[in-house]
Amino acid sequence: MFEDIRAIFRNDPAARGIEFLLYPSLHAIVIHRYLSHPLYSIHIPFIPRLISQIMRFLTGIEIHPGARIGKGFFIDHGIGVVIGETAEIGKNCVMYHNVTLGGTGKHKGKRHPTIGDNVLIGTGSILLGPIKIGDNAKIGANTFIINRNVPDNCTVVGTPARIVRKNGRKVNIKIEDIEDTAAQEE
């Protein structure tokens, strides 16, 4: 929990004093991390889902109890965030409002994105399928990625998505030119 509090101060210049107690993302993450996810992990089916729905109502952030979230996670504003059951989020990630880490409805088992460490996901982005977003990646606002992996140290923007920066250098790569993760499973 302390890592998540530090993430608030690290990522929001408006955070002051004990105001961190008012952040809906902290409420959603703490309840997920210490109540709904542990209950889900010991195969209690109904109560964790009920808790996540109550937190969605209270915070506008929907985190499925099965999602795995690393330390130092920060959601700025939070309204409209959806994190699916098999989503995995690494350490020190930042996510803005209206982001979806969802499934396509075509996969079984692992259906949601895996987000690496130190990833920033901009407002309104939609990431669908069992994709991997590499460490230190930045996903621009309103970017749509479906069934495509993003390598480490890349910046991806737009719809259709394009890699515009890789390892600190400007590039212009269509996301379609990156491997199709859905094809691997079929």
N, C-alpha and C. Protein backbone atom coordinates (compact mmCIF):
# COMPACT_ATOMS: atom_id res chain seq x y z
N MET A 1 0.82 -1.18 0.00
CA MET A 1 0.00 0.00 0.00
C MET A 1 0.87 1.27 0.00
N PHE A 2 2.01 1.23 0.69
CA PHE A 2 2.88 2.41 0.75
C PHE A 2 3.44 2.75 -0.62
N GLU A 3 3.71 1.72 -1.42
CA GLU A 3 4.21 1.96 -2.79
C GLU A 3 3.14 2.68 -3.61
N ASP A 4 1.87 2.31 -3.41
CA ASP A 4 0.77 2.95 -4.14
C ASP A 4 0.59 4.40 -3.69
N ILE A 5 0.80 4.67 -2.42
CA ILE A 5 0.72 6.04 -1.92
C ILE A 5 1.87 6.87 -2.49
N ARG A 6 3.06 6.29 -2.51
CA ARG A 6 4.21 6.99 -3.11
C ARG A 6 3.94 7.29 -4.58
N ALA A 7 3.27 6.36 -5.27
CA ALA A 7 2.95 6.55 -6.69
C ALA A 7 2.05 7.76 -6.91
N ILE A 8 1.14 8.01 -5.98
CA ILE A 8 0.28 9.19 -6.08
C ILE A 8 1.13 10.46 -6.08
N PHE A 9 2.04 10.56 -5.13
CA PHE A 9 2.87 11.76 -5.03
C PHE A 9 3.87 11.85 -6.18
N ARG A 10 4.34 10.73 -6.67
CA ARG A 10 5.30 10.70 -7.77
C ARG A 10 4.64 11.15 -9.08
N ASN A 11 3.35 10.83 -9.26
CA ASN A 11 2.70 11.03 -10.55
C ASN A 11 1.69 12.17 -10.62
N ASP A 12 1.30 12.71 -9.47
CA ASP A 12 0.32 13.79 -9.49
C ASP A 12 0.87 15.02 -8.78
N PRO A 13 1.24 16.04 -9.54
CA PRO A 13 1.80 17.24 -8.90
C PRO A 13 0.79 17.97 -8.01
N ALA A 14 -0.50 17.66 -8.15
CA ALA A 14 -1.52 18.31 -7.32
C ALA A 14 -1.66 17.64 -5.95
N ALA A 15 -1.03 16.49 -5.75
CA ALA A 15 -1.16 15.77 -4.47
C ALA A 15 -0.39 16.50 -3.38
N ARG A 16 -1.08 16.75 -2.27
CA ARG A 16 -0.47 17.44 -1.14
C ARG A 16 -0.94 16.81 0.17
N GLY A 17 -0.04 16.77 1.13
CA GLY A 17 -0.40 16.33 2.48
C GLY A 17 -1.16 15.01 2.51
N ILE A 18 -2.22 15.02 3.31
CA ILE A 18 -2.99 13.78 3.46
C ILE A 18 -4.10 13.64 2.42
N GLU A 19 -4.09 14.51 1.40
CA GLU A 19 -5.08 14.40 0.32
C GLU A 19 -5.05 13.04 -0.37
N PHE A 20 -3.93 12.33 -0.29
CA PHE A 20 -3.86 11.01 -0.91
C PHE A 20 -4.99 10.11 -0.43
N LEU A 21 -5.49 10.36 0.77
CA LEU A 21 -6.60 9.56 1.31
C LEU A 21 -7.89 9.74 0.52
N LEU A 22 -7.97 10.78 -0.30
CA LEU A 22 -9.18 11.07 -1.07
C LEU A 22 -9.13 10.52 -2.48
N TYR A 23 -8.05 9.90 -2.88
CA TYR A 23 -7.90 9.41 -4.25
C TYR A 23 -8.68 8.11 -4.47
N PRO A 24 -9.64 8.12 -5.40
CA PRO A 24 -10.43 6.90 -5.65
C PRO A 24 -9.57 5.73 -6.11
N SER A 25 -8.48 6.03 -6.82
CA SER A 25 -7.62 4.93 -7.27
C SER A 25 -7.01 4.20 -6.08
N LEU A 26 -6.63 4.94 -5.05
CA LEU A 26 -6.07 4.30 -3.86
C LEU A 26 -7.11 3.40 -3.20
N HIS A 27 -8.33 3.89 -3.10
CA HIS A 27 -9.41 3.07 -2.51
C HIS A 27 -9.60 1.79 -3.31
N ALA A 28 -9.71 1.93 -4.64
CA ALA A 28 -9.96 0.76 -5.48
C ALA A 28 -8.80 -0.24 -5.41
N ILE A 29 -7.58 0.26 -5.43
CA ILE A 29 -6.42 -0.63 -5.42
C ILE A 29 -6.25 -1.31 -4.08
N VAL A 30 -6.41 -0.58 -2.99
CA VAL A 30 -6.25 -1.17 -1.66
C VAL A 30 -7.30 -2.26 -1.44
N ILE A 31 -8.54 -1.99 -1.77
CA ILE A 31 -9.60 -3.00 -1.60
C ILE A 31 -9.32 -4.21 -2.50
N HIS A 32 -8.87 -3.94 -3.73
CA HIS A 32 -8.53 -5.05 -4.63
C HIS A 32 -7.36 -5.86 -4.06
N ARG A 33 -6.30 -5.18 -3.70
CA ARG A 33 -5.07 -5.84 -3.27
C ARG A 33 -5.22 -6.63 -1.98
N TYR A 34 -6.02 -6.09 -1.02
CA TYR A 34 -6.07 -6.72 0.31
C TYR A 34 -7.38 -7.42 0.64
N LEU A 35 -8.37 -7.34 -0.25
CA LEU A 35 -9.65 -7.98 0.06
C LEU A 35 -10.17 -8.82 -1.11
N SER A 36 -10.52 -8.19 -2.22
CA SER A 36 -11.17 -8.95 -3.28
C SER A 36 -10.23 -9.93 -3.98
N HIS A 37 -8.99 -9.53 -4.29
CA HIS A 37 -8.07 -10.46 -4.96
C HIS A 37 -7.70 -11.65 -4.07
N PRO A 38 -7.36 -11.44 -2.79
CA PRO A 38 -7.08 -12.61 -1.94
C PRO A 38 -8.27 -13.56 -1.81
N LEU A 39 -9.48 -13.02 -1.68
CA LEU A 39 -10.66 -13.90 -1.61
C LEU A 39 -10.84 -14.67 -2.92
N TYR A 40 -10.65 -13.99 -4.04
CA TYR A 40 -10.75 -14.63 -5.35
C TYR A 40 -9.70 -15.73 -5.49
N SER A 41 -8.50 -15.46 -4.99
CA SER A 41 -7.39 -16.42 -5.09
C SER A 41 -7.64 -17.70 -4.32
N ILE A 42 -8.50 -17.65 -3.29
CA ILE A 42 -8.82 -18.88 -2.56
C ILE A 42 -10.17 -19.44 -3.00
N HIS A 43 -10.59 -19.03 -4.19
CA HIS A 43 -11.76 -19.60 -4.87
C HIS A 43 -13.09 -19.33 -4.17
N ILE A 44 -13.20 -18.17 -3.58
CA ILE A 44 -14.51 -17.72 -3.09
C ILE A 44 -15.10 -16.90 -4.24
N PRO A 45 -16.18 -17.37 -4.87
CA PRO A 45 -16.62 -16.75 -6.13
C PRO A 45 -17.44 -15.47 -6.01
N PHE A 46 -18.41 -15.42 -5.17
CA PHE A 46 -19.38 -14.33 -5.20
C PHE A 46 -18.91 -13.05 -4.49
N ILE A 47 -18.37 -13.20 -3.31
CA ILE A 47 -18.03 -12.04 -2.48
C ILE A 47 -17.01 -11.13 -3.17
N PRO A 48 -15.93 -11.66 -3.76
CA PRO A 48 -14.98 -10.75 -4.42
C PRO A 48 -15.61 -9.97 -5.58
N ARG A 49 -16.50 -10.61 -6.33
CA ARG A 49 -17.16 -9.90 -7.43
C ARG A 49 -18.10 -8.83 -6.88
N LEU A 50 -18.79 -9.13 -5.79
CA LEU A 50 -19.65 -8.14 -5.15
C LEU A 50 -18.82 -6.94 -4.69
N ILE A 51 -17.70 -7.21 -4.08
CA ILE A 51 -16.82 -6.13 -3.61
C ILE A 51 -16.35 -5.29 -4.79
N SER A 52 -15.96 -5.93 -5.89
CA SER A 52 -15.47 -5.16 -7.04
C SER A 52 -16.59 -4.32 -7.65
N GLN A 53 -17.81 -4.81 -7.62
CA GLN A 53 -18.93 -4.02 -8.14
C GLN A 53 -19.25 -2.83 -7.22
N ILE A 54 -19.14 -3.04 -5.93
CA ILE A 54 -19.33 -1.92 -5.00
C ILE A 54 -18.25 -0.86 -5.22
N MET A 55 -17.01 -1.29 -5.40
CA MET A 55 -15.92 -0.35 -5.65
C MET A 55 -16.11 0.36 -6.99
N ARG A 56 -16.64 -0.33 -7.98
CA ARG A 56 -16.93 0.32 -9.27
C ARG A 56 -17.96 1.42 -9.06
N PHE A 57 -18.99 1.13 -8.28
CA PHE A 57 -20.02 2.12 -7.98
C PHE A 57 -19.44 3.32 -7.23
N LEU A 58 -18.57 3.06 -6.27
CA LEU A 58 -18.02 4.13 -5.43
C LEU A 58 -16.92 4.94 -6.11
N THR A 59 -16.13 4.29 -6.99
CA THR A 59 -14.95 4.96 -7.54
C THR A 59 -14.99 5.16 -9.05
N GLY A 60 -15.85 4.42 -9.76
CA GLY A 60 -15.83 4.47 -11.22
C GLY A 60 -14.74 3.62 -11.83
N ILE A 61 -14.05 2.85 -10.99
CA ILE A 61 -12.95 1.99 -11.43
C ILE A 61 -13.39 0.54 -11.26
N GLU A 62 -13.36 -0.21 -12.36
CA GLU A 62 -13.77 -1.62 -12.30
C GLU A 62 -12.53 -2.50 -12.46
N ILE A 63 -12.16 -3.16 -11.37
CA ILE A 63 -11.03 -4.09 -11.38
C ILE A 63 -11.59 -5.47 -11.05
N HIS A 64 -11.47 -6.39 -12.00
CA HIS A 64 -11.92 -7.76 -11.72
C HIS A 64 -11.04 -8.34 -10.62
N PRO A 65 -11.63 -9.09 -9.68
CA PRO A 65 -10.84 -9.63 -8.57
C PRO A 65 -9.69 -10.55 -9.00
N GLY A 66 -9.77 -11.09 -10.21
CA GLY A 66 -8.70 -11.97 -10.69
C GLY A 66 -7.48 -11.24 -11.21
N ALA A 67 -7.60 -9.96 -11.52
CA ALA A 67 -6.48 -9.20 -12.07
C ALA A 67 -5.32 -9.14 -11.08
N ARG A 68 -4.10 -9.17 -11.62
CA ARG A 68 -2.90 -9.07 -10.80
C ARG A 68 -2.26 -7.71 -11.02
N ILE A 69 -2.03 -7.00 -9.93
CA ILE A 69 -1.54 -5.63 -10.04
C ILE A 69 -0.28 -5.48 -9.19
N GLY A 70 0.79 -5.00 -9.81
CA GLY A 70 2.06 -4.79 -9.13
C GLY A 70 2.03 -3.56 -8.23
N LYS A 71 3.06 -3.42 -7.44
CA LYS A 71 3.17 -2.30 -6.50
C LYS A 71 3.41 -0.99 -7.25
N GLY A 72 3.04 0.10 -6.60
CA GLY A 72 3.28 1.41 -7.17
C GLY A 72 2.36 1.76 -8.32
N PHE A 73 1.15 1.20 -8.33
CA PHE A 73 0.18 1.44 -9.42
C PHE A 73 -0.61 2.71 -9.12
N PHE A 74 -0.80 3.54 -10.15
CA PHE A 74 -1.53 4.79 -9.99
C PHE A 74 -2.50 4.98 -11.14
N ILE A 75 -3.75 5.22 -10.81
CA ILE A 75 -4.77 5.56 -11.80
C ILE A 75 -5.15 7.02 -11.54
N ASP A 76 -4.89 7.88 -12.52
CA ASP A 76 -5.22 9.29 -12.36
C ASP A 76 -6.66 9.51 -12.80
N HIS A 77 -7.45 10.08 -11.95
CA HIS A 77 -8.88 10.35 -12.12
C HIS A 77 -9.72 9.08 -12.00
N GLY A 78 -9.48 8.08 -12.80
CA GLY A 78 -10.07 6.77 -12.58
C GLY A 78 -11.38 6.46 -13.27
N ILE A 79 -12.25 7.42 -13.47
CA ILE A 79 -13.57 7.10 -14.02
C ILE A 79 -13.44 6.37 -15.34
N GLY A 80 -14.19 5.29 -15.48
CA GLY A 80 -14.24 4.55 -16.73
C GLY A 80 -13.15 3.52 -16.92
N VAL A 81 -12.30 3.30 -15.93
CA VAL A 81 -11.23 2.31 -16.05
C VAL A 81 -11.82 0.91 -15.87
N VAL A 82 -11.46 0.00 -16.78
CA VAL A 82 -11.89 -1.40 -16.71
C VAL A 82 -10.65 -2.27 -16.83
N ILE A 83 -10.44 -3.14 -15.85
CA ILE A 83 -9.30 -4.06 -15.85
C ILE A 83 -9.87 -5.48 -15.75
N GLY A 84 -9.66 -6.28 -16.79
CA GLY A 84 -10.25 -7.61 -16.89
C GLY A 84 -9.61 -8.66 -16.00
N GLU A 85 -10.28 -9.79 -15.93
CA GLU A 85 -9.94 -10.88 -15.01
C GLU A 85 -8.51 -11.38 -15.14
N THR A 86 -8.02 -11.60 -16.35
CA THR A 86 -6.68 -12.17 -16.51
C THR A 86 -5.62 -11.11 -16.82
N ALA A 87 -5.98 -9.83 -16.64
CA ALA A 87 -5.00 -8.76 -16.83
C ALA A 87 -3.92 -8.85 -15.76
N GLU A 88 -2.70 -8.50 -16.16
CA GLU A 88 -1.58 -8.43 -15.24
C GLU A 88 -0.91 -7.08 -15.46
N ILE A 89 -0.64 -6.38 -14.38
CA ILE A 89 -0.04 -5.06 -14.46
C ILE A 89 1.23 -5.08 -13.62
N GLY A 90 2.34 -4.66 -14.23
CA GLY A 90 3.63 -4.66 -13.55
C GLY A 90 3.76 -3.56 -12.51
N LYS A 91 4.97 -3.36 -12.06
CA LYS A 91 5.27 -2.37 -11.02
C LYS A 91 5.35 -0.96 -11.62
N ASN A 92 4.94 0.01 -10.79
CA ASN A 92 5.11 1.44 -11.10
C ASN A 92 4.45 1.86 -12.41
N CYS A 93 3.26 1.35 -12.65
CA CYS A 93 2.52 1.72 -13.85
C CYS A 93 1.55 2.86 -13.56
N VAL A 94 1.29 3.66 -14.59
CA VAL A 94 0.36 4.78 -14.49
C VAL A 94 -0.69 4.61 -15.57
N MET A 95 -1.94 4.81 -15.17
CA MET A 95 -3.05 4.67 -16.09
C MET A 95 -3.98 5.86 -15.88
N TYR A 96 -4.45 6.43 -16.96
CA TYR A 96 -5.38 7.56 -16.87
C TYR A 96 -6.81 7.07 -17.04
N HIS A 97 -7.76 7.98 -16.91
CA HIS A 97 -9.17 7.60 -16.94
C HIS A 97 -9.60 7.05 -18.31
N ASN A 98 -10.68 6.29 -18.27
CA ASN A 98 -11.31 5.74 -19.48
C ASN A 98 -10.43 4.74 -20.21
N VAL A 99 -9.61 3.99 -19.51
CA VAL A 99 -8.75 2.97 -20.11
C VAL A 99 -9.41 1.61 -19.92
N THR A 100 -9.34 0.79 -20.97
CA THR A 100 -9.84 -0.59 -20.89
C THR A 100 -8.71 -1.56 -21.16
N LEU A 101 -8.53 -2.51 -20.24
CA LEU A 101 -7.67 -3.67 -20.46
C LEU A 101 -8.64 -4.84 -20.57
N GLY A 102 -9.08 -5.13 -21.78
CA GLY A 102 -10.17 -6.07 -21.97
C GLY A 102 -9.83 -7.25 -22.86
N GLY A 103 -10.82 -8.10 -23.03
CA GLY A 103 -10.70 -9.26 -23.90
C GLY A 103 -11.43 -9.02 -25.21
N THR A 104 -11.21 -9.91 -26.15
CA THR A 104 -11.86 -9.81 -27.45
C THR A 104 -13.08 -10.71 -27.55
N GLY A 105 -13.23 -11.64 -26.60
CA GLY A 105 -14.30 -12.61 -26.67
C GLY A 105 -13.92 -13.83 -27.49
N LYS A 106 -12.72 -13.86 -28.04
CA LYS A 106 -12.28 -14.96 -28.90
C LYS A 106 -11.25 -15.87 -28.24
N HIS A 107 -10.77 -15.50 -27.07
CA HIS A 107 -9.72 -16.27 -26.41
C HIS A 107 -10.26 -16.96 -25.17
N LYS A 108 -9.64 -18.06 -24.83
CA LYS A 108 -9.95 -18.76 -23.59
C LYS A 108 -8.70 -18.72 -22.72
N GLY A 109 -8.87 -18.92 -21.43
CA GLY A 109 -7.71 -18.85 -20.53
C GLY A 109 -7.24 -17.42 -20.39
N LYS A 110 -6.00 -17.14 -20.77
CA LYS A 110 -5.45 -15.79 -20.71
C LYS A 110 -6.12 -14.96 -21.81
N ARG A 111 -6.94 -13.97 -21.39
CA ARG A 111 -7.75 -13.21 -22.35
C ARG A 111 -7.45 -11.72 -22.36
N HIS A 112 -6.72 -11.24 -21.36
CA HIS A 112 -6.53 -9.80 -21.18
C HIS A 112 -5.05 -9.44 -21.25
N PRO A 113 -4.75 -8.17 -21.42
CA PRO A 113 -3.35 -7.74 -21.57
C PRO A 113 -2.48 -7.99 -20.34
N THR A 114 -1.19 -8.14 -20.64
CA THR A 114 -0.15 -8.16 -19.62
C THR A 114 0.67 -6.88 -19.83
N ILE A 115 0.73 -6.08 -18.79
CA ILE A 115 1.41 -4.79 -18.85
C ILE A 115 2.72 -4.91 -18.09
N GLY A 116 3.82 -4.53 -18.72
CA GLY A 116 5.14 -4.61 -18.08
C GLY A 116 5.31 -3.57 -16.98
N ASP A 117 6.52 -3.43 -16.51
CA ASP A 117 6.86 -2.46 -15.47
C ASP A 117 7.04 -1.07 -16.07
N ASN A 118 6.71 -0.05 -15.28
CA ASN A 118 6.95 1.36 -15.65
C ASN A 118 6.24 1.76 -16.94
N VAL A 119 5.03 1.29 -17.13
CA VAL A 119 4.25 1.59 -18.33
C VAL A 119 3.27 2.71 -18.03
N LEU A 120 3.11 3.62 -18.99
CA LEU A 120 2.13 4.69 -18.90
C LEU A 120 1.08 4.44 -19.97
N ILE A 121 -0.21 4.46 -19.58
CA ILE A 121 -1.30 4.25 -20.53
C ILE A 121 -2.20 5.48 -20.48
N GLY A 122 -2.27 6.18 -21.62
CA GLY A 122 -2.99 7.44 -21.70
C GLY A 122 -4.50 7.30 -21.72
N THR A 123 -5.16 8.41 -21.45
CA THR A 123 -6.61 8.53 -21.39
C THR A 123 -7.29 7.92 -22.61
N GLY A 124 -8.32 7.13 -22.37
CA GLY A 124 -9.15 6.62 -23.45
C GLY A 124 -8.55 5.48 -24.25
N SER A 125 -7.43 4.95 -23.83
CA SER A 125 -6.80 3.86 -24.58
C SER A 125 -7.55 2.56 -24.35
N ILE A 126 -7.59 1.74 -25.40
CA ILE A 126 -8.24 0.44 -25.33
C ILE A 126 -7.23 -0.60 -25.77
N LEU A 127 -6.92 -1.54 -24.87
CA LEU A 127 -5.98 -2.61 -25.15
C LEU A 127 -6.74 -3.92 -24.99
N LEU A 128 -6.84 -4.69 -26.06
CA LEU A 128 -7.67 -5.88 -26.06
C LEU A 128 -6.88 -7.13 -26.44
N GLY A 129 -7.20 -8.22 -25.76
CA GLY A 129 -6.63 -9.51 -26.06
C GLY A 129 -5.46 -9.85 -25.16
N PRO A 130 -4.93 -11.06 -25.31
CA PRO A 130 -3.81 -11.52 -24.47
C PRO A 130 -2.48 -10.97 -24.97
N ILE A 131 -2.40 -9.65 -25.04
CA ILE A 131 -1.21 -8.99 -25.57
C ILE A 131 -0.23 -8.68 -24.46
N LYS A 132 0.99 -8.36 -24.85
CA LYS A 132 2.02 -7.96 -23.89
C LYS A 132 2.48 -6.56 -24.25
N ILE A 133 2.40 -5.68 -23.27
CA ILE A 133 2.93 -4.33 -23.40
C ILE A 133 4.25 -4.34 -22.64
N GLY A 134 5.34 -4.10 -23.35
CA GLY A 134 6.68 -4.22 -22.77
C GLY A 134 6.99 -3.18 -21.70
N ASP A 135 8.04 -3.45 -20.97
CA ASP A 135 8.51 -2.54 -19.92
C ASP A 135 8.82 -1.16 -20.51
N ASN A 136 8.53 -0.13 -19.74
CA ASN A 136 8.86 1.26 -20.08
C ASN A 136 8.12 1.76 -21.33
N ALA A 137 7.05 1.10 -21.71
CA ALA A 137 6.27 1.55 -22.87
C ALA A 137 5.36 2.70 -22.48
N LYS A 138 5.03 3.51 -23.47
CA LYS A 138 4.06 4.59 -23.29
C LYS A 138 3.00 4.41 -24.36
N ILE A 139 1.74 4.38 -23.92
CA ILE A 139 0.61 4.24 -24.82
C ILE A 139 -0.11 5.59 -24.82
N GLY A 140 -0.16 6.24 -25.95
CA GLY A 140 -0.76 7.56 -26.04
C GLY A 140 -2.26 7.54 -25.84
N ALA A 141 -2.82 8.71 -25.57
CA ALA A 141 -4.26 8.85 -25.36
C ALA A 141 -5.02 8.36 -26.59
N ASN A 142 -6.15 7.69 -26.33
CA ASN A 142 -7.07 7.21 -27.37
C ASN A 142 -6.43 6.24 -28.35
N THR A 143 -5.42 5.52 -27.91
CA THR A 143 -4.78 4.50 -28.75
C THR A 143 -5.56 3.20 -28.63
N PHE A 144 -5.73 2.51 -29.74
CA PHE A 144 -6.45 1.24 -29.78
C PHE A 144 -5.49 0.15 -30.24
N ILE A 145 -5.30 -0.87 -29.39
CA ILE A 145 -4.41 -1.99 -29.72
C ILE A 145 -5.18 -3.28 -29.49
N ILE A 146 -5.26 -4.11 -30.51
CA ILE A 146 -5.93 -5.40 -30.40
C ILE A 146 -5.02 -6.49 -30.95
N ASN A 147 -4.77 -7.50 -30.13
CA ASN A 147 -3.99 -8.67 -30.50
C ASN A 147 -2.61 -8.35 -31.06
N ARG A 148 -1.97 -7.30 -30.58
CA ARG A 148 -0.62 -6.94 -31.01
C ARG A 148 0.23 -6.63 -29.78
N ASN A 149 1.42 -7.19 -29.74
CA ASN A 149 2.35 -6.89 -28.65
C ASN A 149 3.05 -5.56 -28.91
N VAL A 150 3.49 -4.94 -27.84
CA VAL A 150 4.28 -3.72 -27.92
C VAL A 150 5.61 -4.02 -27.25
N PRO A 151 6.72 -3.83 -27.98
CA PRO A 151 8.03 -4.12 -27.39
C PRO A 151 8.38 -3.17 -26.24
N ASP A 152 9.40 -3.54 -25.49
CA ASP A 152 9.92 -2.68 -24.43
C ASP A 152 10.36 -1.33 -25.01
N ASN A 153 10.29 -0.29 -24.17
CA ASN A 153 10.86 1.02 -24.50
C ASN A 153 10.29 1.64 -25.77
N CYS A 154 8.98 1.47 -25.99
CA CYS A 154 8.33 2.04 -27.16
C CYS A 154 7.23 3.01 -26.75
N THR A 155 6.97 3.96 -27.63
CA THR A 155 5.82 4.85 -27.50
C THR A 155 4.89 4.54 -28.66
N VAL A 156 3.63 4.25 -28.34
CA VAL A 156 2.63 3.89 -29.34
C VAL A 156 1.50 4.91 -29.27
N VAL A 157 1.07 5.39 -30.43
CA VAL A 157 0.00 6.39 -30.47
C VAL A 157 -0.97 6.06 -31.60
N GLY A 158 -2.19 6.56 -31.44
CA GLY A 158 -3.16 6.60 -32.52
C GLY A 158 -4.02 5.38 -32.73
N THR A 159 -4.95 5.59 -33.64
CA THR A 159 -5.85 4.53 -34.10
C THR A 159 -5.96 4.70 -35.60
N PRO A 160 -5.36 3.84 -36.40
CA PRO A 160 -4.63 2.64 -36.00
C PRO A 160 -3.30 2.97 -35.31
N ALA A 161 -2.92 2.09 -34.41
CA ALA A 161 -1.75 2.32 -33.57
C ALA A 161 -0.45 2.25 -34.38
N ARG A 162 0.47 3.16 -34.01
CA ARG A 162 1.79 3.19 -34.63
C ARG A 162 2.83 3.37 -33.53
N ILE A 163 3.96 2.70 -33.70
CA ILE A 163 5.09 2.92 -32.80
C ILE A 163 5.83 4.15 -33.34
N VAL A 164 5.94 5.18 -32.52
CA VAL A 164 6.58 6.43 -32.96
C VAL A 164 7.94 6.66 -32.28
N ARG A 165 8.22 5.87 -31.27
CA ARG A 165 9.51 5.98 -30.60
C ARG A 165 9.89 4.59 -30.10
N LYS A 166 11.13 4.22 -30.34
CA LYS A 166 11.62 2.92 -29.88
C LYS A 166 13.05 3.10 -29.39
N ASN A 167 13.29 2.73 -28.14
CA ASN A 167 14.61 2.87 -27.52
C ASN A 167 15.15 4.30 -27.65
N GLY A 168 14.26 5.28 -27.48
CA GLY A 168 14.66 6.67 -27.49
C GLY A 168 14.83 7.29 -28.86
N ARG A 169 14.58 6.54 -29.92
CA ARG A 169 14.75 7.05 -31.28
C ARG A 169 13.40 7.14 -31.97
N LYS A 170 13.22 8.17 -32.78
CA LYS A 170 11.99 8.32 -33.54
C LYS A 170 11.92 7.24 -34.62
N VAL A 171 10.73 6.63 -34.71
CA VAL A 171 10.47 5.63 -35.73
C VAL A 171 9.03 5.83 -36.21
N ASN A 172 8.63 5.09 -37.20
CA ASN A 172 7.25 5.12 -37.66
C ASN A 172 6.91 3.71 -38.14
N ILE A 173 6.42 2.89 -37.21
CA ILE A 173 6.16 1.48 -37.48
C ILE A 173 4.68 1.20 -37.26
N LYS A 174 4.02 0.62 -38.23
CA LYS A 174 2.62 0.22 -38.06
C LYS A 174 2.55 -0.90 -37.03
N ILE A 175 1.59 -0.81 -36.13
CA ILE A 175 1.42 -1.87 -35.12
C ILE A 175 1.09 -3.21 -35.79
N GLU A 176 0.50 -3.16 -36.98
CA GLU A 176 0.18 -4.39 -37.72
C GLU A 176 1.44 -5.14 -38.11
N ASP A 177 2.57 -4.44 -38.16
CA ASP A 177 3.84 -5.09 -38.52
C ASP A 177 4.45 -5.85 -37.35
N ILE A 178 3.83 -5.70 -36.16
CA ILE A 178 4.27 -6.44 -34.97
C ILE A 178 3.51 -7.76 -34.95
N GLU A 179 4.08 -8.79 -34.37
CA GLU A 179 3.45 -10.12 -34.38
C GLU A 179 2.02 -10.10 -33.88
N ASP A 180 1.19 -10.95 -34.44
CA ASP A 180 -0.22 -11.08 -34.08
C ASP A 180 -0.33 -12.16 -33.00
N THR A 181 -0.65 -11.77 -31.77
CA THR A 181 -0.71 -12.75 -30.69
C THR A 181 -1.87 -13.72 -30.84
N ALA A 182 -2.95 -13.29 -31.50
CA ALA A 182 -4.10 -14.17 -31.68
C ALA A 182 -3.74 -15.33 -32.60
N ALA A 183 -2.90 -15.07 -33.60
CA ALA A 183 -2.51 -16.12 -34.53
C ALA A 183 -1.72 -17.21 -33.82
N GLN A 184 -0.97 -16.84 -32.78
CA GLN A 184 -0.19 -17.82 -32.05
C GLN A 184 -1.06 -18.84 -31.33
N GLU A 185 -2.25 -18.42 -30.90
CA GLU A 185 -3.11 -19.29 -30.10
C GLU A 185 -3.98 -20.19 -30.94
N GLU A 186 -4.16 -19.87 -32.22
CA GLU A 186 -5.06 -20.66 -33.06
C GLU A 186 -4.35 -21.77 -33.76
